[in-house]
Amino acid sequence: MASIRSMITAGLVDEFWLKISPVAVGQGSSMFAELGAALPLTLRTARTFDSGMIEAVYATSSE
């Protein structure tokens, strides 16, 4: 996760493709926990599946 965070803070990421499963685990590491500042995102697309999973594509404001 450290290399992902480094790329985000360096401005090298222009989109996030998130797959969200309808499961609450209660633990795990956050990809965004140590960014240091808010990262404004714009929702580009969202799609739902019969399983309850959601696919969301967000663009960073730098795009």
Foldseek 3Di string as FASTA:
>chain_A
DVVLLVCVLVVNDFKDKDKDAPDDDPDDDDPCPPNPDDWDWDWDDWDADPNGIIITMIGTPVD
